[in-house]
Amino acid sequence: VCVPQNLVVKIPENLGFAQASSASLGLIGMQGVRRAAPKFGDVIA
């Protein structure tokens, strides 16, 4: 694959390719949290 630099991140030594390949799914979850903009005291499921 040919990927723009801003969509590539180095994998830490202790992380395998299988786990690292799911990075985008984690990023999508993190973006959901950012967009929800939770505050201290909010209840989130």
Full PDB file with SEQRES, HELIX, SHEET, SSBOND, CRYST1, ORIGX, SCALE, CONECT and MASTER records, all heavy atoms in Angstrom:
SEQRES   1 A   45  VAL CYS VAL PRO GLN ASN LEU VAL VAL LYS ILE PRO GLU          
SEQRES   2 A   45  ASN LEU GLY PHE ALA GLN ALA SER SER ALA SER LEU GLY          
SEQRES   3 A   45  LEU ILE GLY MET GLN GLY VAL ARG ARG ALA ALA PRO LYS          
SEQRES   4 A   45  PHE GLY ASP VAL ILE ALA                                      
HELIX    1 AA1 GLN A    5  LEU A    7  5                                   3    
HELIX    2 AA2 PHE A   17  ALA A   20  1                                   4    
HELIX    3 AA3 ALA A   23  ALA A   36  1                                  14    
CRYST1    1.000    1.000    1.000  90.00  90.00  90.00 P 1           1          
ORIGX1      1.000000  0.000000  0.000000        0.00000                         
ORIGX2      0.000000  1.000000  0.000000        0.00000                         
ORIGX3      0.000000  0.000000  1.000000        0.00000                         
SCALE1      1.000000  0.000000  0.000000        0.00000                         
SCALE2      0.000000  1.000000  0.000000        0.00000                         
SCALE3      0.000000  0.000000  1.000000        0.00000                         
ATOM      1  N   VAL A   1       0.837  -1.198   0.000  1.00  0.00           N  
ATOM      2  CA  VAL A   1       0.000   0.000   0.000  1.00  0.00           C  
ATOM      3  C   VAL A   1       0.874   1.250   0.000  1.00  0.00           C  
ATOM      4  O   VAL A   1       1.993   1.239   0.501  1.00  0.00           O  
ATOM      5  CB  VAL A   1      -0.973   0.022   1.211  1.00  0.00           C  
ATOM      6  CG1 VAL A   1      -1.998  -1.093   1.106  1.00  0.00           C  
ATOM      7  CG2 VAL A   1      -0.236  -0.063   2.538  1.00  0.00           C  
ATOM      8  N   CYS A   2       0.350   2.326  -0.562  1.00  0.00           N  
ATOM      9  CA  CYS A   2       1.016   3.625  -0.573  1.00  0.00           C  
ATOM     10  C   CYS A   2       0.152   4.565   0.268  1.00  0.00           C  
ATOM     11  O   CYS A   2      -0.981   4.865  -0.095  1.00  0.00           O  
ATOM     12  CB  CYS A   2       1.145   4.131  -2.009  1.00  0.00           C  
ATOM     13  SG  CYS A   2       2.091   5.658  -2.156  1.00  0.00           S  
ATOM     14  N   VAL A   3       0.703   4.996   1.410  1.00  0.00           N  
ATOM     15  CA  VAL A   3      -0.087   5.716   2.400  1.00  0.00           C  
ATOM     16  C   VAL A   3       0.555   7.068   2.711  1.00  0.00           C  
ATOM     17  O   VAL A   3       1.772   7.154   2.883  1.00  0.00           O  
ATOM     18  CB  VAL A   3      -0.196   4.881   3.701  1.00  0.00           C  
ATOM     19  CG1 VAL A   3      -1.092   5.551   4.712  1.00  0.00           C  
ATOM     20  CG2 VAL A   3      -0.697   3.472   3.398  1.00  0.00           C  
ATOM     21  N   PRO A   4      -0.258   8.148   2.785  1.00  0.00           N  
ATOM     22  CA  PRO A   4       0.297   9.448   3.170  1.00  0.00           C  
ATOM     23  C   PRO A   4       0.933   9.376   4.560  1.00  0.00           C  
ATOM     24  O   PRO A   4       0.455   8.654   5.440  1.00  0.00           O  
ATOM     25  CB  PRO A   4      -0.919  10.373   3.180  1.00  0.00           C  
ATOM     26  CG  PRO A   4      -1.938   9.698   2.329  1.00  0.00           C  
ATOM     27  CD  PRO A   4      -1.688   8.226   2.482  1.00  0.00           C  
ATOM     28  N   GLN A   5       1.983  10.147   4.756  1.00  0.00           N  
ATOM     29  CA  GLN A   5       2.736  10.151   6.018  1.00  0.00           C  
ATOM     30  C   GLN A   5       1.835  10.393   7.223  1.00  0.00           C  
ATOM     31  O   GLN A   5       2.038   9.791   8.280  1.00  0.00           O  
ATOM     32  CB  GLN A   5       3.834  11.200   5.961  1.00  0.00           C  
ATOM     33  CG  GLN A   5       4.645  11.282   7.238  1.00  0.00           C  
ATOM     34  CD  GLN A   5       5.727  12.333   7.193  1.00  0.00           C  
ATOM     35  OE1 GLN A   5       5.747  13.176   6.310  1.00  0.00           O  
ATOM     36  NE2 GLN A   5       6.626  12.293   8.144  1.00  0.00           N  
ATOM     37  N   ASN A   6       0.833  11.252   7.099  1.00  0.00           N  
ATOM     38  CA  ASN A   6      -0.019  11.574   8.246  1.00  0.00           C  
ATOM     39  C   ASN A   6      -0.965  10.429   8.628  1.00  0.00           C  
ATOM     40  O   ASN A   6      -1.650  10.510   9.641  1.00  0.00           O  
ATOM     41  CB  ASN A   6      -0.808  12.862   8.007  1.00  0.00           C  
ATOM     42  CG  ASN A   6      -1.813  12.738   6.885  1.00  0.00           C  
ATOM     43  OD1 ASN A   6      -1.579  12.050   5.892  1.00  0.00           O  
ATOM     44  ND2 ASN A   6      -2.933  13.416   7.018  1.00  0.00           N  
ATOM     45  N   LEU A   7      -0.985   9.359   7.840  1.00  0.00           N  
ATOM     46  CA  LEU A   7      -1.815   8.195   8.152  1.00  0.00           C  
ATOM     47  C   LEU A   7      -0.970   6.963   8.511  1.00  0.00           C  
ATOM     48  O   LEU A   7      -1.437   5.832   8.451  1.00  0.00           O  
ATOM     49  CB  LEU A   7      -2.744   7.874   6.969  1.00  0.00           C  
ATOM     50  CG  LEU A   7      -3.763   8.961   6.605  1.00  0.00           C  
ATOM     51  CD1 LEU A   7      -4.552   8.558   5.370  1.00  0.00           C  
ATOM     52  CD2 LEU A   7      -4.689   9.251   7.772  1.00  0.00           C  
ATOM     53  N   VAL A   8       0.289   7.207   8.862  1.00  0.00           N  
ATOM     54  CA  VAL A   8       1.232   6.139   9.210  1.00  0.00           C  
ATOM     55  C   VAL A   8       1.841   6.444  10.570  1.00  0.00           C  
ATOM     56  O   VAL A   8       2.192   7.582  10.855  1.00  0.00           O  
ATOM     57  CB  VAL A   8       2.359   6.048   8.149  1.00  0.00           C  
ATOM     58  CG1 VAL A   8       3.411   5.042   8.545  1.00  0.00           C  
ATOM     59  CG2 VAL A   8       1.790   5.712   6.778  1.00  0.00           C  
ATOM     60  N   VAL A   9       1.980   5.406  11.396  1.00  0.00           N  
ATOM     61  CA  VAL A   9       2.628   5.563  12.707  1.00  0.00           C  
ATOM     62  C   VAL A   9       3.521   4.354  12.951  1.00  0.00           C  
ATOM     63  O   VAL A   9       3.183   3.233  12.583  1.00  0.00           O  
ATOM     64  CB  VAL A   9       1.583   5.731  13.840  1.00  0.00           C  
ATOM     65  CG1 VAL A   9       0.718   4.493  13.999  1.00  0.00           C  
ATOM     66  CG2 VAL A   9       2.242   6.099  15.145  1.00  0.00           C  
ATOM     67  N   LYS A  10       4.683   4.605  13.550  1.00  0.00           N  
ATOM     68  CA  LYS A  10       5.588   3.503  13.878  1.00  0.00           C  
ATOM     69  C   LYS A  10       4.958   2.620  14.955  1.00  0.00           C  
ATOM     70  O   LYS A  10       4.271   3.108  15.846  1.00  0.00           O  
ATOM     71  CB  LYS A  10       6.942   4.035  14.365  1.00  0.00           C  
ATOM     72  CG  LYS A  10       7.755   4.692  13.269  1.00  0.00           C  
ATOM     73  CD  LYS A  10       9.086   5.168  13.823  1.00  0.00           C  
ATOM     74  CE  LYS A  10       9.851   5.973  12.792  1.00  0.00           C  
ATOM     75  NZ  LYS A  10      11.122   6.476  13.330  1.00  0.00           N  
ATOM     76  N   ILE A  11       5.232   1.326  14.852  1.00  0.00           N  
ATOM     77  CA  ILE A  11       4.714   0.355  15.812  1.00  0.00           C  
ATOM     78  C   ILE A  11       5.741   0.184  16.935  1.00  0.00           C  
ATOM     79  O   ILE A  11       6.922  -0.040  16.664  1.00  0.00           O  
ATOM     80  CB  ILE A  11       4.472  -1.014  15.140  1.00  0.00           C  
ATOM     81  CG1 ILE A  11       3.469  -0.881  13.984  1.00  0.00           C  
ATOM     82  CG2 ILE A  11       3.995  -2.036  16.156  1.00  0.00           C  
ATOM     83  CD1 ILE A  11       3.338  -2.156  13.165  1.00  0.00           C  
ATOM     84  N   PRO A  12       5.303   0.264  18.203  1.00  0.00           N  
ATOM     85  CA  PRO A  12       6.226   0.019  19.311  1.00  0.00           C  
ATOM     86  C   PRO A  12       6.797  -1.406  19.244  1.00  0.00           C  
ATOM     87  O   PRO A  12       6.135  -2.321  18.746  1.00  0.00           O  
ATOM     88  CB  PRO A  12       5.350   0.177  20.560  1.00  0.00           C  
ATOM     89  CG  PRO A  12       4.142   0.921  20.101  1.00  0.00           C  
ATOM     90  CD  PRO A  12       3.961   0.604  18.653  1.00  0.00           C  
ATOM     91  N   GLU A  13       7.999  -1.587  19.762  1.00  0.00           N  
ATOM     92  CA  GLU A  13       8.690  -2.886  19.729  1.00  0.00           C  
ATOM     93  C   GLU A  13       7.859  -4.026  20.300  1.00  0.00           C  
ATOM     94  O   GLU A  13       7.899  -5.136  19.807  1.00  0.00           O  
ATOM     95  CB  GLU A  13      10.015  -2.789  20.493  1.00  0.00           C  
ATOM     96  CG  GLU A  13      11.080  -1.978  19.787  1.00  0.00           C  
ATOM     97  CD  GLU A  13      11.563  -2.620  18.491  1.00  0.00           C  
ATOM     98  OE1 GLU A  13      11.668  -3.853  18.431  1.00  0.00           O  
ATOM     99  OE2 GLU A  13      11.829  -1.860  17.537  1.00  0.00           O  
ATOM    100  N   ASN A  14       7.119  -3.769  21.368  1.00  0.00           N  
ATOM    101  CA  ASN A  14       6.384  -4.830  22.051  1.00  0.00           C  
ATOM    102  C   ASN A  14       5.004  -5.113  21.457  1.00  0.00           C  
ATOM    103  O   ASN A  14       4.225  -5.857  22.034  1.00  0.00           O  
ATOM    104  CB  ASN A  14       6.246  -4.503  23.541  1.00  0.00           C  
ATOM    105  CG  ASN A  14       5.440  -3.227  23.779  1.00  0.00           C  
ATOM    106  OD1 ASN A  14       5.240  -2.427  22.878  1.00  0.00           O  
ATOM    107  ND2 ASN A  14       5.010  -3.039  25.011  1.00  0.00           N  
ATOM    108  N   LEU A  15       4.685  -4.543  20.305  1.00  0.00           N  
ATOM    109  CA  LEU A  15       3.382  -4.730  19.674  1.00  0.00           C  
ATOM    110  C   LEU A  15       3.561  -5.457  18.346  1.00  0.00           C  
ATOM    111  O   LEU A  15       4.407  -5.088  17.533  1.00  0.00           O  
ATOM    112  CB  LEU A  15       2.716  -3.365  19.439  1.00  0.00           C  
ATOM    113  CG  LEU A  15       1.258  -3.380  19.010  1.00  0.00           C  
ATOM    114  CD1 LEU A  15       0.381  -3.954  20.124  1.00  0.00           C  
ATOM    115  CD2 LEU A  15       0.801  -1.960  18.682  1.00  0.00           C  
ATOM    116  N   GLY A  16       2.766  -6.485  18.131  1.00  0.00           N  
ATOM    117  CA  GLY A  16       2.851  -7.256  16.898  1.00  0.00           C  
ATOM    118  C   GLY A  16       2.051  -6.637  15.764  1.00  0.00           C  
ATOM    119  O   GLY A  16       1.221  -5.747  15.972  1.00  0.00           O  
ATOM    120  N   PHE A  17       2.289  -7.131  14.556  1.00  0.00           N  
ATOM    121  CA  PHE A  17       1.576  -6.635  13.379  1.00  0.00           C  
ATOM    122  C   PHE A  17       0.065  -6.866  13.489  1.00  0.00           C  
ATOM    123  O   PHE A  17      -0.727  -6.025  13.075  1.00  0.00           O  
ATOM    124  CB  PHE A  17       2.085  -7.309  12.103  1.00  0.00           C  
ATOM    125  CG  PHE A  17       3.446  -6.843  11.664  1.00  0.00           C  
ATOM    126  CD1 PHE A  17       4.481  -7.748  11.501  1.00  0.00           C  
ATOM    127  CD2 PHE A  17       3.694  -5.517  11.384  1.00  0.00           C  
ATOM    128  CE1 PHE A  17       5.734  -7.338  11.080  1.00  0.00           C  
ATOM    129  CE2 PHE A  17       4.937  -5.086  10.964  1.00  0.00           C  
ATOM    130  CZ  PHE A  17       5.961  -6.008  10.812  1.00  0.00           C  
ATOM    131  N   ALA A  18      -0.335  -8.027  14.012  1.00  0.00           N  
ATOM    132  CA  ALA A  18      -1.767  -8.339  14.105  1.00  0.00           C  
ATOM    133  C   ALA A  18      -2.503  -7.295  14.935  1.00  0.00           C  
ATOM    134  O   ALA A  18      -3.545  -6.782  14.520  1.00  0.00           O  
ATOM    135  CB  ALA A  18      -1.975  -9.736  14.693  1.00  0.00           C  
ATOM    136  N   GLN A  19      -1.954  -6.962  16.087  1.00  0.00           N  
ATOM    137  CA  GLN A  19      -2.584  -5.962  16.950  1.00  0.00           C  
ATOM    138  C   GLN A  19      -2.506  -4.574  16.322  1.00  0.00           C  
ATOM    139  O   GLN A  19      -3.470  -3.811  16.351  1.00  0.00           O  
ATOM    140  CB  GLN A  19      -1.931  -5.952  18.338  1.00  0.00           C  
ATOM    141  CG  GLN A  19      -2.142  -7.216  19.136  1.00  0.00           C  
ATOM    142  CD  GLN A  19      -1.177  -8.341  18.744  1.00  0.00           C  
ATOM    143  OE1 GLN A  19      -0.198  -8.139  18.015  1.00  0.00           O  
ATOM    144  NE2 GLN A  19      -1.461  -9.539  19.218  1.00  0.00           N  
ATOM    145  N   ALA A  20      -1.380  -4.230  15.763  1.00  0.00           N  
ATOM    146  CA  ALA A  20      -1.196  -2.899  15.161  1.00  0.00           C  
ATOM    147  C   ALA A  20      -2.115  -2.690  13.961  1.00  0.00           C  
ATOM    148  O   ALA A  20      -2.506  -1.562  13.675  1.00  0.00           O  
ATOM    149  CB  ALA A  20       0.261  -2.707  14.745  1.00  0.00           C  
ATOM    150  N   SER A  21      -2.479  -3.781  13.287  1.00  0.00           N  
ATOM    151  CA  SER A  21      -3.332  -3.630  12.101  1.00  0.00           C  
ATOM    152  C   SER A  21      -4.722  -3.115  12.447  1.00  0.00           C  
ATOM    153  O   SER A  21      -5.449  -2.649  11.571  1.00  0.00           O  
ATOM    154  CB  SER A  21      -3.448  -4.961  11.353  1.00  0.00           C  
ATOM    155  OG  SER A  21      -4.271  -5.876  12.054  1.00  0.00           O  
ATOM    156  N   SER A  22      -5.096  -3.158  13.723  1.00  0.00           N  
ATOM    157  CA  SER A  22      -6.415  -2.669  14.127  1.00  0.00           C  
ATOM    158  C   SER A  22      -6.376  -1.218  14.613  1.00  0.00           C  
ATOM    159  O   SER A  22      -7.351  -0.725  15.175  1.00  0.00           O  
ATOM    160  CB  SER A  22      -7.011  -3.574  15.210  1.00  0.00           C  
ATOM    161  OG  SER A  22      -6.227  -3.506  16.385  1.00  0.00           O  
ATOM    162  N   ALA A  23      -5.281  -0.522  14.383  1.00  0.00           N  
ATOM    163  CA  ALA A  23      -5.118   0.856  14.873  1.00  0.00           C  
ATOM    164  C   ALA A  23      -6.252   1.777  14.424  1.00  0.00           C  
ATOM    165  O   ALA A  23      -6.737   2.589  15.214  1.00  0.00           O  
ATOM    166  CB  ALA A  23      -3.775   1.422  14.425  1.00  0.00           C  
ATOM    167  N   SER A  24      -6.696   1.655  13.192  1.00  0.00           N  
ATOM    168  CA  SER A  24      -7.760   2.545  12.693  1.00  0.00           C  
ATOM    169  C   SER A  24      -9.041   2.395  13.486  1.00  0.00           C  
ATOM    170  O   SER A  24      -9.757   3.370  13.714  1.00  0.00           O  
ATOM    171  CB  SER A  24      -8.057   2.271  11.222  1.00  0.00           C  
ATOM    172  OG  SER A  24      -6.982   2.649  10.431  1.00  0.00           O  
ATOM    173  N   LEU A  25      -9.352   1.179  13.892  1.00  0.00           N  
ATOM    174  CA  LEU A  25     -10.568   0.968  14.667  1.00  0.00           C  
ATOM    175  C   LEU A  25     -10.492   1.711  15.991  1.00  0.00           C  
ATOM    176  O   LEU A  25     -11.463   2.321  16.436  1.00  0.00           O  
ATOM    177  CB  LEU A  25     -10.819  -0.525  14.885  1.00  0.00           C  
ATOM    178  CG  LEU A  25     -11.468  -1.232  13.700  1.00  0.00           C  
ATOM    179  CD1 LEU A  25     -10.549  -1.343  12.517  1.00  0.00           C  
ATOM    180  CD2 LEU A  25     -11.965  -2.586  14.116  1.00  0.00           C  
ATOM    181  N   GLY A  26      -9.311   1.690  16.624  1.00  0.00           N  
ATOM    182  CA  GLY A  26      -9.112   2.457  17.851  1.00  0.00           C  
ATOM    183  C   GLY A  26      -9.218   3.950  17.609  1.00  0.00           C  
ATOM    184  O   GLY A  26      -9.806   4.678  18.408  1.00  0.00           O  
ATOM    185  N   LEU A  27      -8.664   4.399  16.483  1.00  0.00           N  
ATOM    186  CA  LEU A  27      -8.733   5.831  16.148  1.00  0.00           C  
ATOM    187  C   LEU A  27     -10.172   6.289  15.963  1.00  0.00           C  
ATOM    188  O   LEU A  27     -10.537   7.390  16.371  1.00  0.00           O  
ATOM    189  CB  LEU A  27      -7.942   6.109  14.867  1.00  0.00           C  
ATOM    190  CG  LEU A  27      -6.438   5.901  14.954  1.00  0.00           C  
ATOM    191  CD1 LEU A  27      -5.809   5.979  13.570  1.00  0.00           C  
ATOM    192  CD2 LEU A  27      -5.824   6.903  15.884  1.00  0.00           C  
ATOM    193  N   ILE A  28     -10.982   5.434  15.353  1.00  0.00           N  
ATOM    194  CA  ILE A  28     -12.397   5.769  15.147  1.00  0.00           C  
ATOM    195  C   ILE A  28     -13.094   5.911  16.502  1.00  0.00           C  
ATOM    196  O   ILE A  28     -13.869   6.847  16.722  1.00  0.00           O  
ATOM    197  CB  ILE A  28     -13.085   4.715  14.253  1.00  0.00           C  
ATOM    198  CG1 ILE A  28     -12.525   4.797  12.833  1.00  0.00           C  
ATOM    199  CG2 ILE A  28     -14.605   4.901  14.259  1.00  0.00           C  
ATOM    200  CD1 ILE A  28     -12.863   3.607  11.947  1.00  0.00           C  
ATOM    201  N   GLY A  29     -12.791   5.002  17.428  1.00  0.00           N  
ATOM    202  CA  GLY A  29     -13.358   5.094  18.774  1.00  0.00           C  
ATOM    203  C   GLY A  29     -12.930   6.367  19.484  1.00  0.00           C  
ATOM    204  O   GLY A  29     -13.739   7.049  20.127  1.00  0.00           O  
ATOM    205  N   MET A  30     -11.639   6.696  19.365  1.00  0.00           N  
ATOM    206  CA  MET A  30     -11.134   7.922  19.997  1.00  0.00           C  
ATOM    207  C   MET A  30     -11.806   9.166  19.408  1.00  0.00           C  
ATOM    208  O   MET A  30     -12.129  10.105  20.143  1.00  0.00           O  
ATOM    209  CB  MET A  30      -9.620   8.014  19.811  1.00  0.00           C  
ATOM    210  CG  MET A  30      -8.857   7.026  20.671  1.00  0.00           C  
ATOM    211  SD  MET A  30      -7.085   6.985  20.328  1.00  0.00           S  
ATOM    212  CE  MET A  30      -6.608   8.682  20.561  1.00  0.00           C  
ATOM    213  N   GLN A  31     -12.036   9.162  18.105  1.00  0.00           N  
ATOM    214  CA  GLN A  31     -12.707  10.304  17.474  1.00  0.00           C  
ATOM    215  C   GLN A  31     -14.140  10.439  17.992  1.00  0.00           C  
ATOM    216  O   GLN A  31     -14.625  11.546  18.198  1.00  0.00           O  
ATOM    217  CB  GLN A  31     -12.690  10.155  15.944  1.00  0.00           C  
ATOM    218  CG  GLN A  31     -13.393  11.264  15.196  1.00  0.00           C  
ATOM    219  CD  GLN A  31     -12.753  12.642  15.368  1.00  0.00           C  
ATOM    220  OE1 GLN A  31     -11.694  12.804  15.955  1.00  0.00           O  
ATOM    221  NE2 GLN A  31     -13.411  13.649  14.845  1.00  0.00           N  
ATOM    222  N   GLY A  32     -14.787   9.298  18.218  1.00  0.00           N  
ATOM    223  CA  GLY A  32     -16.136   9.332  18.790  1.00  0.00           C  
ATOM    224  C   GLY A  32     -16.148   9.983  20.160  1.00  0.00           C  
ATOM    225  O   GLY A  32     -17.026  10.787  20.481  1.00  0.00           O  
ATOM    226  N   VAL A  33     -15.157   9.657  20.983  1.00  0.00           N  
ATOM    227  CA  VAL A  33     -15.053  10.271  22.314  1.00  0.00           C  
ATOM    228  C   VAL A  33     -14.785  11.766  22.172  1.00  0.00           C  
ATOM    229  O   VAL A  33     -15.403  12.587  22.848  1.00  0.00           O  
ATOM    230  CB  VAL A  33     -13.955   9.582  23.154  1.00  0.00           C  
ATOM    231  CG1 VAL A  33     -13.700  10.344  24.449  1.00  0.00           C  
ATOM    232  CG2 VAL A  33     -14.329   8.133  23.446  1.00  0.00           C  
ATOM    233  N   ARG A  34     -13.876  12.134  21.286  1.00  0.00           N  
ATOM    234  CA  ARG A  34     -13.583  13.574  21.078  1.00  0.00           C  
ATOM    235  C   ARG A  34     -14.839  14.340  20.674  1.00  0.00           C  
ATOM    236  O   ARG A  34     -15.110  15.415  21.185  1.00  0.00           O  
ATOM    237  CB  ARG A  34     -12.524  13.748  19.987  1.00  0.00           C  
ATOM    238  CG  ARG A  34     -11.144  13.582  20.463  1.00  0.00           C  
ATOM    239  CD  ARG A  34     -10.148  14.058  19.384  1.00  0.00           C  
ATOM    240  NE  ARG A  34      -8.874  13.471  19.654  1.00  0.00           N  
ATOM    241  CZ  ARG A  34      -8.319  12.487  18.965  1.00  0.00           C  
ATOM    242  NH1 ARG A  34      -8.925  12.001  17.917  1.00  0.00           N  
ATOM    243  NH2 ARG A  34      -7.158  11.998  19.299  1.00  0.00           N  
ATOM    244  N   ARG A  35     -15.588  13.760  19.723  1.00  0.00           N  
ATOM    245  CA  ARG A  35     -16.784  14.454  19.231  1.00  0.00           C  
ATOM    246  C   ARG A  35     -17.869  14.531  20.299  1.00  0.00           C  
ATOM    247  O   ARG A  35     -18.641  15.484  20.338  1.00  0.00           O  
ATOM    248  CB  ARG A  35     -17.308  13.789  17.968  1.00  0.00           C  
ATOM    249  CG  ARG A  35     -16.336  13.989  16.808  1.00  0.00           C  
ATOM    250  CD  ARG A  35     -16.890  13.541  15.515  1.00  0.00           C  
ATOM    251  NE  ARG A  35     -17.950  14.456  15.124  1.00  0.00           N  
ATOM    252  CZ  ARG A  35     -18.707  14.278  14.064  1.00  0.00           C  
ATOM    253  NH1 ARG A  35     -18.524  13.257  13.282  1.00  0.00           N  
ATOM    254  NH2 ARG A  35     -19.656  15.132  13.772  1.00  0.00           N  
ATOM    255  N   ALA A  36     -17.952  13.510  21.161  1.00  0.00           N  
ATOM    256  CA  ALA A  36     -18.936  13.540  22.250  1.00  0.00           C  
ATOM    257  C   ALA A  36     -18.577  14.602  23.290  1.00  0.00           C  
ATOM    258  O   ALA A  36     -19.444  15.107  23.986  1.00  0.00           O  
ATOM    259  CB  ALA A  36     -19.034  12.171  22.912  1.00  0.00           C  
ATOM    260  N   ALA A  37     -17.276  14.927  23.381  1.00  0.00           N  
ATOM    261  CA  ALA A  37     -16.767  15.943  24.308  1.00  0.00           C  
ATOM    262  C   ALA A  37     -17.257  15.723  25.741  1.00  0.00           C  
ATOM    263  O   ALA A  37     -17.864  16.599  26.347  1.00  0.00           O  
ATOM    264  CB  ALA A  37     -17.130  17.345  23.817  1.00  0.00           C  
ATOM    265  N   PRO A  38     -16.989  14.539  26.315  1.00  0.00           N  
ATOM    266  CA  PRO A  38     -17.450  14.283  27.684  1.00  0.00           C  
ATOM    267  C   PRO A  38     -16.743  15.178  28.700  1.00  0.00           C  
ATOM    268  O   PRO A  38     -15.612  15.598  28.488  1.00  0.00           O  
ATOM    269  CB  PRO A  38     -17.088  12.809  27.905  1.00  0.00           C  
ATOM    270  CG  PRO A  38     -15.946  12.563  26.977  1.00  0.00           C  
ATOM    271  CD  PRO A  38     -16.194  13.450  25.781  1.00  0.00           C  
ATOM    272  N   LYS A  39     -17.436  15.458  29.773  1.00  0.00           N  
ATOM    273  CA  LYS A  39     -16.903  16.262  30.868  1.00  0.00           C  
ATOM    274  C   LYS A  39     -16.866  15.398  32.121  1.00  0.00           C  
ATOM    275  O   LYS A  39     -17.556  14.387  32.219  1.00  0.00           O  
ATOM    276  CB  LYS A  39     -17.808  17.466  31.126  1.00  0.00           C  
ATOM    277  CG  LYS A  39     -18.183  18.272  29.893  1.00  0.00           C  
ATOM    278  CD  LYS A  39     -17.121  19.283  29.562  1.00  0.00           C  
ATOM    279  CE  LYS A  39     -17.514  20.180  28.430  1.00  0.00           C  
ATOM    280  NZ  LYS A  39     -17.528  19.625  27.105  1.00  0.00           N  
ATOM    281  N   PHE A  40     -16.068  15.807  33.121  1.00  0.00           N  
ATOM    282  CA  PHE A  40     -16.040  15.087  34.396  1.00  0.00           C  
ATOM    283  C   PHE A  40     -17.454  14.993  34.941  1.00  0.00           C  
ATOM    284  O   PHE A  40     -18.198  15.970  34.932  1.00  0.00           O  
ATOM    285  CB  PHE A  40     -15.123  15.794  35.406  1.00  0.00           C  
ATOM    286  CG  PHE A  40     -13.669  15.560  35.135  1.00  0.00           C  
ATOM    287  CD1 PHE A  40     -12.863  16.569  34.663  1.00  0.00           C  
ATOM    288  CD2 PHE A  40     -13.114  14.298  35.341  1.00  0.00           C  
ATOM    289  CE1 PHE A  40     -11.518  16.343  34.409  1.00  0.00           C  
ATOM    290  CE2 PHE A  40     -11.772  14.059  35.089  1.00  0.00           C  
ATOM    291  CZ  PHE A  40     -10.971  15.088  34.615  1.00  0.00           C  
ATOM    292  N   GLY A  41     -17.819  13.800  35.359  1.00  0.00           N  
ATOM    293  CA  GLY A  41     -19.151  13.580  35.921  1.00  0.00           C  
ATOM    294  C   GLY A  41     -20.138  12.999  34.909  1.00  0.00           C  
ATOM    295  O   GLY A  41     -21.186  12.497  35.294  1.00  0.00           O  
ATOM    296  N   ASP A  42     -19.836  13.091  33.618  1.00  0.00           N  
ATOM    297  CA  ASP A  42     -20.705  12.497  32.608  1.00  0.00           C  
ATOM    298  C   ASP A  42     -20.662  10.975  32.714  1.00  0.00           C  
ATOM    299  O   ASP A  42     -19.634  10.395  33.077  1.00  0.00           O  
ATOM    300  CB  ASP A  42     -20.260  12.880  31.190  1.00  0.00           C  
ATOM    301  CG  ASP A  42     -20.554  14.334  30.837  1.00  0.00           C  
ATOM    302  OD1 ASP A  42     -21.228  15.007  31.634  1.00  0.00           O  
ATOM    303  OD2 ASP A  42     -20.093  14.774  29.766  1.00  0.00           O  
ATOM    304  N   VAL A  43     -21.765  10.343  32.402  1.00  0.00           N  
ATOM    305  CA  VAL A  43     -21.832   8.884  32.376  1.00  0.00           C  
ATOM    306  C   VAL A  43     -21.784   8.449  30.916  1.00  0.00           C  
ATOM    307  O   VAL A  43     -22.544   8.940  30.085  1.00  0.00           O  
ATOM    308  CB  VAL A  43     -23.123   8.364  33.051  1.00  0.00           C  
ATOM    309  CG1 VAL A  43     -23.225   6.852  32.949  1.00  0.00           C  
ATOM    310  CG2 VAL A  43     -23.163   8.809  34.508  1.00  0.00           C  
ATOM    311  N   ILE A  44     -20.856   7.534  30.622  1.00  0.00           N  
ATOM    312  CA  ILE A  44     -20.666   7.085  29.240  1.00  0.00           C  
ATOM    313  C   ILE A  44     -20.713   5.565  29.213  1.00  0.00           C  
ATOM    314  O   ILE A  44     -20.157   4.900  30.086  1.00  0.00           O  
ATOM    315  CB  ILE A  44     -19.301   7.556  28.697  1.00  0.00           C  
ATOM    316  CG1 ILE A  44     -19.246   9.082  28.693  1.00  0.00           C  
ATOM    317  CG2 ILE A  44     -19.049   7.000  27.313  1.00  0.00           C  
ATOM    318  CD1 ILE A  44     -17.884   9.623  28.367  1.00  0.00           C  
ATOM    319  N   ALA A  45     -21.364   5.019  28.211  1.00  0.00           N  
ATOM    320  CA  ALA A  45     -21.387   3.566  28.021  1.00  0.00           C  
ATOM    321  C   ALA A  45     -20.660   3.253  26.718  1.00  0.00           C  
ATOM    322  O   ALA A  45     -20.851   3.921  25.707  1.00  0.00           O  
ATOM    323  CB  ALA A  45     -22.820   3.061  27.946  1.00  0.00           C  
TER     324      ALA A  45                                                      
MASTER        0    0    0    3    0    0    0    6  323    1    0    4          
END                                                                             
